[in-house]
């Protein structure tokens, strides 16, 4: 496979000058800088735009699908979805999109207020309202629900490693039994459009705690709504995530399923990172573990109805 070029500031500057009126004479133009050193394919363009460069053909296909999906989602949700002002190829077969920048910080920088939780509830409600057939027609894939019991077993082994490293008390995971995991299996016919990547970096939050937008829709899928509840647990903490999901009309089963997906995921990811199996930010992984394991009122898995009605 051909090695994709590495974008440089000159590459980005030339592309942006061809798209915006500023600097078309070869001088001046907006400042360009990578969002972070680790994300060399995402660049801030001045104060109003962000340029996202696909690193390979698979990512390019997701970028092109995302453009159409955002137009489908935007009327359904109460928060901002980025708008593309230009798109095309920045290298042969490699897509780019120049998007408007959604003002605000991230959920990693600002706490979400009670009104912000209502914003998140509106997001979950809106995603459920998107017609699945229309999303599928755009190429959005269907994903099968994950086995919570298989994830639980992985997390039990990972928790033992974290306990040995003085990072976690594995006894906290023992309260979640195989029988509990079986109770929280995904219900058939419950698939909805999911963002499937609700991290703190993708949830835009203003200083007053309102949720102003949601970024990066490239991983969207038709599947288990508990995955987005789990993502919110990592982004804003389990209590806020469960309150938002409850306000959106989800019952105890998907809320608890999302909670335990998040808890098991964070244990496995931190243990893998400490053993050098995965990269990422250690402080962020520890923060996500803490958020996922924040106690909630609906903490214990009790007897749930076999066919709990979905909203």
Protein backbone atom coordinates (compact mmCIF):
# COMPACT_ATOMS: atom_id res chain seq x y z
CA UNK A 1 0.00 0.00 0.00
CA UNK A 2 1.29 3.46 -0.89
CA UNK A 3 2.51 5.41 2.11
CA UNK A 4 0.25 8.42 2.72
CA UNK A 5 2.06 11.77 2.77
CA UNK A 6 2.53 13.50 6.11
CA UNK A 7 0.78 16.89 6.10
CA UNK A 8 2.97 19.87 6.89
CA UNK A 9 2.11 23.46 7.70
CA UNK A 10 3.01 24.41 4.10
CA UNK A 11 0.74 21.68 2.73
CA UNK A 12 -2.13 22.88 4.89
CA UNK A 13 -1.49 26.55 4.14
CA UNK A 14 -1.52 26.00 0.37
CA UNK A 15 -4.76 24.02 0.58
CA UNK A 16 -6.46 26.59 2.78
CA UNK A 17 -5.41 29.47 0.51
CA UNK A 18 -7.10 27.69 -2.38
CA UNK A 19 -10.33 27.37 -0.36
CA UNK A 20 -10.61 30.69 1.48
CA UNK A 21 -10.31 34.23 0.23
CA UNK A 22 -7.58 35.03 2.74
CA UNK A 23 -4.04 34.74 1.44
CA UNK A 24 -4.89 33.82 -2.15
CA UNK A 25 -2.13 36.14 -3.36
CA UNK A 26 0.39 33.88 -1.61
CA UNK A 27 0.87 36.13 1.40
CA UNK A 28 -0.78 36.25 4.78
CA UNK A 29 -3.80 34.05 5.36
CA UNK A 30 -5.08 32.47 8.58
CA UNK A 31 -2.81 30.84 11.11
CA UNK A 32 -2.59 27.07 10.79
CA UNK A 33 -1.54 24.70 13.56
CA UNK A 34 -2.19 21.05 14.45
CA UNK A 35 -4.83 20.51 17.13
CA UNK A 36 -2.28 18.46 19.10
CA UNK A 37 1.13 17.05 18.32
CA UNK A 38 -0.35 13.54 18.25
CA UNK A 39 -3.08 14.49 15.77
CA UNK A 40 -1.09 15.55 12.73
CA UNK A 41 -4.10 15.16 10.41
CA UNK A 42 -6.38 17.65 12.24
CA UNK A 43 -5.54 21.37 12.05
CA UNK A 44 -6.96 24.58 13.44
CA UNK A 45 -7.41 27.14 10.67
CA UNK A 46 -7.56 30.56 12.27
CA UNK A 47 -10.27 30.90 14.90
CA UNK A 48 -13.25 29.80 12.81
CA UNK A 49 -12.39 26.58 11.00
CA UNK A 50 -10.88 23.13 11.47
CA UNK A 51 -9.32 21.09 8.66
CA UNK A 52 -9.52 17.30 8.92
CA UNK A 53 -7.30 15.30 6.59
CA UNK A 54 -7.97 11.59 6.10
CA UNK A 55 -4.75 9.55 6.54
CA UNK A 56 -5.87 6.60 4.37
CA UNK A 57 -8.58 5.43 1.97
CA UNK A 58 -10.69 3.79 4.66
CA UNK A 59 -10.76 7.01 6.67
CA UNK A 60 -11.54 8.88 3.44
CA UNK A 61 -14.64 6.74 2.90
CA UNK A 62 -15.78 7.50 6.46
CA UNK A 63 -15.19 11.25 5.96
CA UNK A 64 -17.28 11.29 2.78
CA UNK A 65 -20.08 9.34 4.47
CA UNK A 66 -19.92 11.66 7.47
CA UNK A 67 -20.70 14.69 5.29
CA UNK A 68 -24.05 13.20 4.27
CA UNK A 69 -24.80 11.78 7.71
CA UNK A 70 -24.32 15.11 9.46
CA UNK A 71 -26.95 16.66 7.18
CA UNK A 72 -29.36 13.86 8.14
CA UNK A 73 -28.69 14.20 11.88
CA UNK A 74 -28.56 17.99 12.18
CA UNK A 75 -32.36 18.67 12.11
CA UNK A 76 -32.98 16.01 14.78
CA UNK A 77 -30.60 17.07 17.56
CA UNK A 78 -30.58 20.21 19.75
CA UNK A 79 -26.79 20.66 19.67
CA UNK A 80 -24.53 21.87 16.89
CA UNK A 81 -23.19 19.44 14.31
CA UNK A 82 -20.21 20.81 12.33
CA UNK A 83 -20.89 22.20 8.86
CA UNK A 84 -18.45 21.61 6.01
CA UNK A 85 -17.57 24.73 4.01
CA UNK A 86 -15.34 22.79 1.59
CA UNK A 87 -14.38 19.21 0.92
CA UNK A 88 -12.40 17.23 -1.62
CA UNK A 89 -9.06 15.40 -1.84
CA UNK A 90 -5.85 16.76 -0.32
CA UNK A 91 -3.76 13.97 -1.89
CA UNK A 92 -4.70 11.30 -4.45
CA UNK A 93 -7.60 9.34 -2.98
CA UNK A 94 -7.34 11.02 0.44
CA UNK A 95 -10.27 13.16 1.51
CA UNK A 96 -10.40 16.38 3.49
CA UNK A 97 -13.19 18.45 4.96
CA UNK A 98 -12.90 22.06 6.09
CA UNK A 99 -15.49 22.54 8.83
CA UNK A 100 -16.82 25.44 10.82
CA UNK A 101 -15.47 25.39 14.34
CA UNK A 102 -18.06 24.84 17.08
CA UNK A 103 -17.27 27.41 19.80
CA UNK A 104 -16.62 26.14 23.30
CA UNK A 105 -14.30 23.86 25.19
CA UNK A 106 -14.58 20.13 25.68
CA UNK A 107 -16.16 17.90 28.30
CA UNK A 108 -12.61 17.22 29.48
CA UNK A 109 -12.28 20.94 30.28
CA UNK A 110 -15.76 21.93 31.55
CA UNK A 111 -18.28 20.16 33.77
CA UNK A 112 -21.74 19.63 32.31
CA UNK A 113 -24.55 21.44 34.14
CA UNK A 114 -28.09 20.18 34.73
CA UNK A 115 -29.19 22.07 31.63
CA UNK A 116 -26.28 20.47 29.80
CA UNK A 117 -27.60 17.05 30.82
CA UNK A 118 -30.89 18.03 29.18
CA UNK A 119 -28.89 18.87 26.05
CA UNK A 120 -27.40 15.36 26.13
CA UNK A 121 -30.87 13.88 26.60
CA UNK A 122 -31.98 15.77 23.50
CA UNK A 123 -28.99 14.35 21.63
CA UNK A 124 -29.91 10.76 22.56
CA UNK A 125 -33.57 11.38 21.74
CA UNK A 126 -32.67 12.90 18.38
CA UNK A 127 -30.38 10.02 17.42
CA UNK A 128 -33.17 7.58 18.15
CA UNK A 129 -35.46 9.60 15.84
CA UNK A 130 -33.15 9.35 12.81
CA UNK A 131 -34.71 6.83 10.38
CA UNK A 132 -32.49 3.77 10.29
CA UNK A 133 -33.19 3.06 6.62
CA UNK A 134 -32.06 6.54 5.63
CA UNK A 135 -28.85 6.17 7.63
CA UNK A 136 -28.23 2.74 6.09
CA UNK A 137 -28.78 4.18 2.61
CA UNK A 138 -25.87 6.55 3.30
CA UNK A 139 -23.63 3.58 4.09
CA UNK A 140 -23.84 3.71 7.88
CA UNK A 141 -22.99 0.16 9.03
CA UNK A 142 -24.95 -2.03 11.41
CA UNK A 143 -23.00 -3.36 14.39
CA UNK A 144 -23.96 -6.32 16.56
CA UNK A 145 -24.23 -5.71 20.33
CA UNK A 146 -21.12 -6.64 22.28
CA UNK A 147 -21.18 -9.55 24.71
CA UNK A 148 -21.15 -7.98 28.14
CA UNK A 149 -20.21 -11.31 29.71
CA UNK A 150 -17.14 -11.67 27.46
CA UNK A 151 -16.14 -8.10 28.30
CA UNK A 152 -16.72 -8.76 32.01
CA UNK A 153 -14.34 -11.74 31.94
CA UNK A 154 -11.65 -9.63 30.26
CA UNK A 155 -12.19 -6.89 32.83
CA UNK A 156 -11.84 -9.31 35.77
CA UNK A 157 -8.36 -10.35 34.59
CA UNK A 158 -7.44 -6.73 33.84
CA UNK A 159 -8.66 -5.63 37.30
CA UNK A 160 -6.32 -8.10 38.96
CA UNK A 161 -3.39 -6.55 37.07
CA UNK A 162 -4.51 -3.04 38.07
CA UNK A 163 -4.82 -4.12 41.71
CA UNK A 164 -1.26 -5.43 41.63
CA UNK A 165 -0.18 -2.05 40.22
CA UNK A 166 -2.13 -0.22 42.95
CA UNK A 167 -4.36 1.42 40.33
CA UNK A 168 -7.72 -0.16 41.18
CA UNK A 169 -9.49 -2.34 43.73
CA UNK A 170 -10.64 -5.46 41.89
CA UNK A 171 -13.27 -6.11 44.57
CA UNK A 172 -15.30 -3.31 42.99
CA UNK A 173 -15.73 -5.43 39.87
CA UNK A 174 -16.69 -8.60 41.75
CA UNK A 175 -20.13 -7.14 42.50
CA UNK A 176 -20.90 -7.59 38.78
CA UNK A 177 -21.55 -11.30 38.32
CA UNK A 178 -22.12 -13.45 35.21
CA UNK A 179 -25.82 -13.51 36.12
CA UNK A 180 -25.85 -9.69 36.19
CA UNK A 181 -24.19 -9.55 32.78
CA UNK A 182 -26.80 -11.96 31.40
CA UNK A 183 -29.59 -9.73 32.73
CA UNK A 184 -28.10 -6.79 30.84
CA UNK A 185 -27.81 -8.45 27.45
CA UNK A 186 -28.95 -6.19 24.61
CA UNK A 187 -32.60 -6.49 23.65
CA UNK A 188 -33.48 -7.51 20.12
CA UNK A 189 -34.91 -4.81 17.91
CA UNK A 190 -33.38 -2.00 19.99
CA UNK A 191 -30.86 -0.78 17.37
CA UNK A 192 -30.73 2.98 16.83
CA UNK A 193 -28.31 5.38 15.20
CA UNK A 194 -25.37 5.80 17.58
CA UNK A 195 -22.51 8.27 17.45
CA UNK A 196 -20.28 5.47 18.75
CA UNK A 197 -17.46 7.82 19.70
CA UNK A 198 -18.75 10.07 22.46
CA UNK A 199 -15.50 10.93 24.22
CA UNK A 200 -14.82 14.07 26.19
CA UNK A 201 -12.93 15.51 23.23
CA UNK A 202 -15.95 15.13 20.95
CA UNK A 203 -18.50 16.75 23.29
CA UNK A 204 -18.27 20.56 23.09
CA UNK A 205 -19.19 22.25 26.38
CA UNK A 206 -19.33 25.97 27.12
CA UNK A 207 -18.10 27.55 30.34
CA UNK A 208 -21.66 27.64 31.70
CA UNK A 209 -21.97 23.85 31.38
CA UNK A 210 -24.22 23.74 28.31
CA UNK A 211 -23.48 21.14 25.64
CA UNK A 212 -23.00 23.15 22.45
CA UNK A 213 -22.07 20.52 19.91
CA UNK A 214 -20.85 17.02 19.09
CA UNK A 215 -17.88 16.41 16.81
CA UNK A 216 -16.52 13.56 14.65
CA UNK A 217 -19.34 11.42 13.31
CA UNK A 218 -17.06 9.07 11.37
CA UNK A 219 -17.69 6.06 13.65
CA UNK A 220 -21.49 6.34 13.63
CA UNK A 221 -23.33 3.02 13.40
CA UNK A 222 -26.77 1.51 13.73
CA UNK A 223 -26.57 -0.53 16.89
CA UNK A 224 -26.79 -0.71 20.65
CA UNK A 225 -27.86 2.61 22.27
CA UNK A 226 -25.99 1.54 25.42
CA UNK A 227 -22.74 2.27 23.56
CA UNK A 228 -23.53 5.99 23.53
CA UNK A 229 -24.57 5.89 27.19
CA UNK A 230 -21.21 4.23 27.90
CA UNK A 231 -19.42 6.93 25.89
CA UNK A 232 -21.13 9.66 27.88
CA UNK A 233 -20.11 7.95 31.11
CA UNK A 234 -16.47 8.40 30.02
CA UNK A 235 -17.06 11.95 28.82
CA UNK A 236 -19.17 13.46 31.62
CA UNK A 237 -19.30 10.83 34.36
CA UNK A 238 -21.71 8.00 35.07
CA UNK A 239 -24.29 9.95 37.11
CA UNK A 240 -24.71 12.63 34.41
CA UNK A 241 -24.78 10.00 31.64
CA UNK A 242 -27.47 7.92 33.36
CA UNK A 243 -29.54 11.00 34.20
CA UNK A 244 -29.37 12.14 30.56
CA UNK A 245 -30.31 8.69 29.26
CA UNK A 246 -33.20 8.45 31.72
CA UNK A 247 -34.42 11.89 30.68
CA UNK A 248 -34.26 10.68 27.07
CA UNK A 249 -36.65 7.87 27.99
CA UNK A 250 -34.28 4.95 28.35
CA UNK A 251 -35.09 2.48 31.11
CA UNK A 252 -32.93 0.73 33.68
CA UNK A 253 -31.65 -2.02 31.36
CA UNK A 254 -29.91 0.15 28.70
CA UNK A 255 -28.70 2.59 31.38
CA UNK A 256 -27.10 -0.15 33.47
CA UNK A 257 -25.78 -1.91 30.37
CA UNK A 258 -24.10 1.32 29.27
CA UNK A 259 -22.71 1.85 32.77
CA UNK A 260 -21.08 -1.59 32.89
CA UNK A 261 -19.81 -1.42 29.31
CA UNK A 262 -18.01 1.78 30.32
CA UNK A 263 -16.67 0.36 33.57
CA UNK A 264 -15.33 -2.83 32.01
CA UNK A 265 -13.87 -0.94 29.05
CA UNK A 266 -11.95 1.50 31.24
CA UNK A 267 -10.45 -1.28 33.36
CA UNK A 268 -9.29 -3.20 30.27
CA UNK A 269 -7.90 -0.12 28.51
CA UNK A 270 -5.92 1.12 31.49
CA UNK A 271 -4.45 -2.33 32.17
CA UNK A 272 -3.46 -2.73 28.50
CA UNK A 273 -1.83 0.69 28.51
CA UNK A 274 0.19 -0.02 31.64
CA UNK A 275 1.47 -3.22 30.01
CA UNK A 276 2.51 -1.33 26.88
CA UNK A 277 -0.12 -2.93 24.64
CA UNK A 278 -1.84 0.32 23.67
CA UNK A 279 -0.94 3.98 23.39
CA UNK A 280 -2.88 7.02 24.48
CA UNK A 281 -2.78 9.38 27.43
CA UNK A 282 -2.31 7.74 30.83
CA UNK A 283 -3.87 10.70 32.73
CA UNK A 284 -6.91 10.58 30.42
CA UNK A 285 -7.33 6.82 30.89
CA UNK A 286 -7.22 7.28 34.66
CA UNK A 287 -9.77 10.10 34.42
CA UNK A 288 -12.09 7.95 32.32
CA UNK A 289 -11.78 5.11 34.84
CA UNK A 290 -12.71 7.48 37.66
CA UNK A 291 -15.69 8.88 35.73
CA UNK A 292 -17.04 5.45 34.76
CA UNK A 293 -16.84 4.20 38.35
CA UNK A 294 -18.59 7.16 39.93
CA UNK A 295 -21.53 5.75 41.95
CA UNK A 296 -25.08 6.26 40.73
CA UNK A 297 -28.43 5.89 42.47
CA UNK A 298 -29.40 2.97 40.23
CA UNK A 299 -26.26 1.09 41.19
CA UNK A 300 -27.30 -2.50 41.76
CA UNK A 301 -28.52 -4.82 39.02
CA UNK A 302 -31.87 -6.08 40.27
CA UNK A 303 -34.54 -8.21 38.61
CA UNK A 304 -35.45 -6.57 35.33
CA UNK A 305 -38.54 -7.37 33.25
CA UNK A 306 -37.80 -9.76 30.39
CA UNK A 307 -39.23 -7.33 27.82
CA UNK A 308 -38.64 -3.89 29.22
CA UNK A 309 -40.44 -1.47 26.88
CA UNK A 310 -38.21 0.86 24.92
CA UNK A 311 -39.29 4.50 24.40
